[in-house]
Amino acid sequence: MKKSYLVILLVIMLSVVYLQTSIHTLAENNYLLPDNKEKQFISASEFKKSGKLTGYIQFKDADINFEQKLLYKDLKQYIKSKVSEYYFINLINIYSNPNSSVSPDRQIYFYCSISDDDNTLKYKYLILDAETSKPIAEGNGQNFKQESETLFN
């Protein structure tokens, strides 16, 4: 009788451990847009030239324009490596709230245009999935400068 209770208890414990491991694994890999880092896609510039890029136009008076294919997890670091701290702080809306349905190892196209004059910093951006060409995120922003702000570090 004691042995049967121990066997039942052991089976229940192993079942719970197995289920938790399965659920955790499923949660980690259950992205709407899964990892595709091993696939080959054209560059962001070639994608733009193909005419498939719709709904995004760079500022005519832009000071900085980005067109880059990269992994979703590398977006923040890419932006930080390309702009001064002043721009990086002002572009926080682009990288501060990642989309949880996109695998960090998903390839994206990143387009961003920045216009900066004496009074205003304006930007707009578009993040597209490289495989489906569908938008992951897009937006724009405008920051009015105070007299003490400088453009570059």
Protein backbone atom coordinates (compact mmCIF):
# COMPACT_ATOMS: atom_id res chain seq x y z
CA MET A 1 0.00 0.00 0.00
CA LYS A 2 2.83 2.38 0.91
CA LYS A 3 4.63 1.55 -2.34
CA SER A 4 1.58 2.42 -4.44
CA TYR A 5 1.32 5.84 -2.77
CA LEU A 6 4.99 6.48 -3.41
CA VAL A 7 4.65 5.42 -7.05
CA ILE A 8 1.60 7.66 -7.51
CA LEU A 9 3.37 10.56 -5.80
CA LEU A 10 6.44 10.04 -8.00
CA VAL A 11 4.32 9.93 -11.17
CA ILE A 12 2.51 13.14 -10.17
CA MET A 13 5.76 14.94 -9.42
CA LEU A 14 7.32 13.89 -12.71
CA SER A 15 4.18 14.94 -14.59
CA VAL A 16 4.23 18.39 -13.00
CA VAL A 17 7.92 18.87 -13.83
CA TYR A 18 7.36 17.71 -17.41
CA LEU A 19 4.35 20.01 -17.90
CA GLN A 20 6.14 23.04 -16.50
CA THR A 21 9.16 22.41 -18.70
CA SER A 22 6.92 22.00 -21.76
CA ILE A 23 4.96 25.17 -21.01
CA HIS A 24 8.14 27.15 -20.44
CA THR A 25 9.68 25.90 -23.69
CA LEU A 26 6.49 26.67 -25.60
CA ALA A 27 6.31 30.18 -24.12
CA GLU A 28 9.93 30.89 -25.10
CA ASN A 29 9.43 29.81 -28.71
CA ASN A 30 5.85 30.84 -29.33
CA TYR A 31 6.40 34.03 -31.34
CA LEU A 32 4.04 35.16 -34.07
CA LEU A 33 7.19 36.06 -35.98
CA PRO A 34 9.75 33.36 -35.08
CA ASP A 35 13.52 33.29 -35.52
CA ASN A 36 14.62 33.58 -39.16
CA LYS A 37 18.24 34.68 -38.75
CA GLU A 38 19.50 31.88 -40.99
CA LYS A 39 17.39 32.95 -43.99
CA GLN A 40 18.67 35.26 -46.72
CA PHE A 41 16.88 38.51 -47.59
CA ILE A 42 17.77 41.49 -49.76
CA SER A 43 19.22 44.60 -48.12
CA ALA A 44 16.98 47.38 -46.83
CA SER A 45 18.19 49.62 -49.64
CA GLU A 46 17.34 47.00 -52.28
CA PHE A 47 13.94 46.47 -50.66
CA LYS A 48 13.25 50.20 -50.91
CA LYS A 49 14.36 50.28 -54.55
CA SER A 50 12.06 47.34 -55.35
CA GLY A 51 9.04 49.58 -54.78
CA LYS A 52 7.63 47.38 -52.02
CA LEU A 53 8.27 50.00 -49.34
CA THR A 54 4.98 51.88 -49.06
CA GLY A 55 3.76 54.43 -46.55
CA TYR A 56 7.20 55.73 -45.65
CA ILE A 57 8.96 58.71 -47.18
CA GLN A 58 12.13 60.23 -45.79
CA PHE A 59 12.13 63.91 -44.81
CA LYS A 60 13.31 66.01 -47.75
CA ASP A 61 15.43 68.08 -45.40
CA ALA A 62 16.68 65.11 -43.35
CA ASP A 63 19.99 65.35 -41.55
CA ILE A 64 20.18 61.58 -41.01
CA ASN A 65 18.54 58.66 -42.81
CA PHE A 66 18.82 55.00 -41.93
CA GLU A 67 18.05 52.01 -44.13
CA GLN A 68 19.26 48.82 -42.50
CA LYS A 69 18.50 45.11 -42.35
CA LEU A 70 19.30 43.70 -38.92
CA LEU A 71 18.09 41.38 -36.17
CA TYR A 72 15.29 42.74 -34.02
CA LYS A 73 17.37 42.31 -30.85
CA ASP A 74 20.12 44.53 -32.31
CA LEU A 75 17.92 47.56 -33.02
CA LYS A 76 18.75 49.53 -29.87
CA GLN A 77 22.48 48.95 -30.21
CA TYR A 78 22.39 49.82 -33.91
CA ILE A 79 20.72 53.17 -33.21
CA LYS A 80 23.12 53.90 -30.35
CA SER A 81 26.12 53.18 -32.58
CA LYS A 82 24.93 55.54 -35.33
CA VAL A 83 23.84 58.69 -33.49
CA SER A 84 25.00 61.01 -30.74
CA GLU A 85 23.64 60.63 -27.20
CA TYR A 86 21.31 63.58 -27.83
CA TYR A 87 19.58 61.80 -30.72
CA PHE A 88 19.65 58.42 -28.96
CA ILE A 89 17.73 59.82 -25.98
CA ASN A 90 15.19 61.52 -28.24
CA LEU A 91 14.63 58.36 -30.29
CA ILE A 92 13.63 56.32 -27.22
CA ASN A 93 10.15 55.58 -28.63
CA ILE A 94 11.74 53.43 -31.32
CA TYR A 95 13.61 50.96 -29.11
CA SER A 96 12.14 51.23 -25.61
CA ASN A 97 9.08 48.99 -26.01
CA PRO A 98 9.93 45.85 -28.02
CA ASN A 99 7.14 43.83 -29.59
CA SER A 100 6.80 40.60 -27.57
CA SER A 101 5.38 38.68 -30.54
CA VAL A 102 8.63 39.11 -32.50
CA SER A 103 11.56 36.80 -31.87
CA PRO A 104 14.75 38.68 -30.96
CA ASP A 105 16.42 36.71 -33.77
CA ARG A 106 13.96 37.88 -36.43
CA GLN A 107 15.36 39.89 -39.34
CA ILE A 108 13.86 43.33 -39.83
CA TYR A 109 14.19 46.32 -42.09
CA PHE A 110 14.67 49.56 -40.17
CA TYR A 111 14.00 52.92 -41.82
CA CYS A 112 14.39 56.18 -39.95
CA SER A 113 14.59 59.79 -40.99
CA ILE A 114 15.73 62.60 -38.68
CA SER A 115 15.42 66.30 -39.33
CA ASP A 116 17.05 68.72 -36.93
CA ASP A 117 16.94 72.50 -37.06
CA ASP A 118 17.52 75.29 -34.54
CA ASN A 119 14.16 74.80 -32.81
CA THR A 120 12.89 71.28 -33.47
CA LEU A 121 14.03 67.70 -33.77
CA LYS A 122 11.65 65.60 -35.90
CA TYR A 123 11.88 61.92 -36.70
CA LYS A 124 9.85 59.17 -38.27
CA TYR A 125 10.54 55.48 -38.50
CA LEU A 126 9.28 52.21 -39.86
CA ILE A 127 10.24 48.69 -38.78
CA LEU A 128 9.24 45.97 -41.24
CA ASP A 129 9.51 42.23 -40.97
CA ALA A 130 12.07 41.22 -43.61
CA GLU A 131 10.26 37.97 -44.44
CA THR A 132 6.64 39.12 -44.68
CA SER A 133 7.26 42.84 -45.43
CA LYS A 134 4.58 43.69 -42.86
CA PRO A 135 5.05 46.54 -40.36
CA ILE A 136 6.15 45.64 -36.85
CA ALA A 137 6.25 49.22 -35.61
CA GLU A 138 6.05 52.72 -37.02
CA GLY A 139 5.77 56.20 -35.70
CA ASN A 140 7.07 59.71 -35.55
CA GLY A 141 7.99 62.30 -33.01
CA GLN A 142 8.88 65.90 -32.52
CA ASN A 143 10.84 67.52 -29.72
CA PHE A 144 11.14 71.24 -29.23
CA LYS A 145 14.57 72.35 -28.11
CA GLN A 146 15.43 74.54 -25.18
CA GLU A 147 18.18 77.06 -25.66
CA SER A 148 20.65 75.06 -23.58
CA GLU A 149 20.42 71.91 -25.72
CA THR A 150 23.19 71.15 -28.19
CA LEU A 151 22.99 69.08 -31.32
CA PHE A 152 26.09 66.97 -30.96
CA ASN A 153 28.22 65.55 -28.16
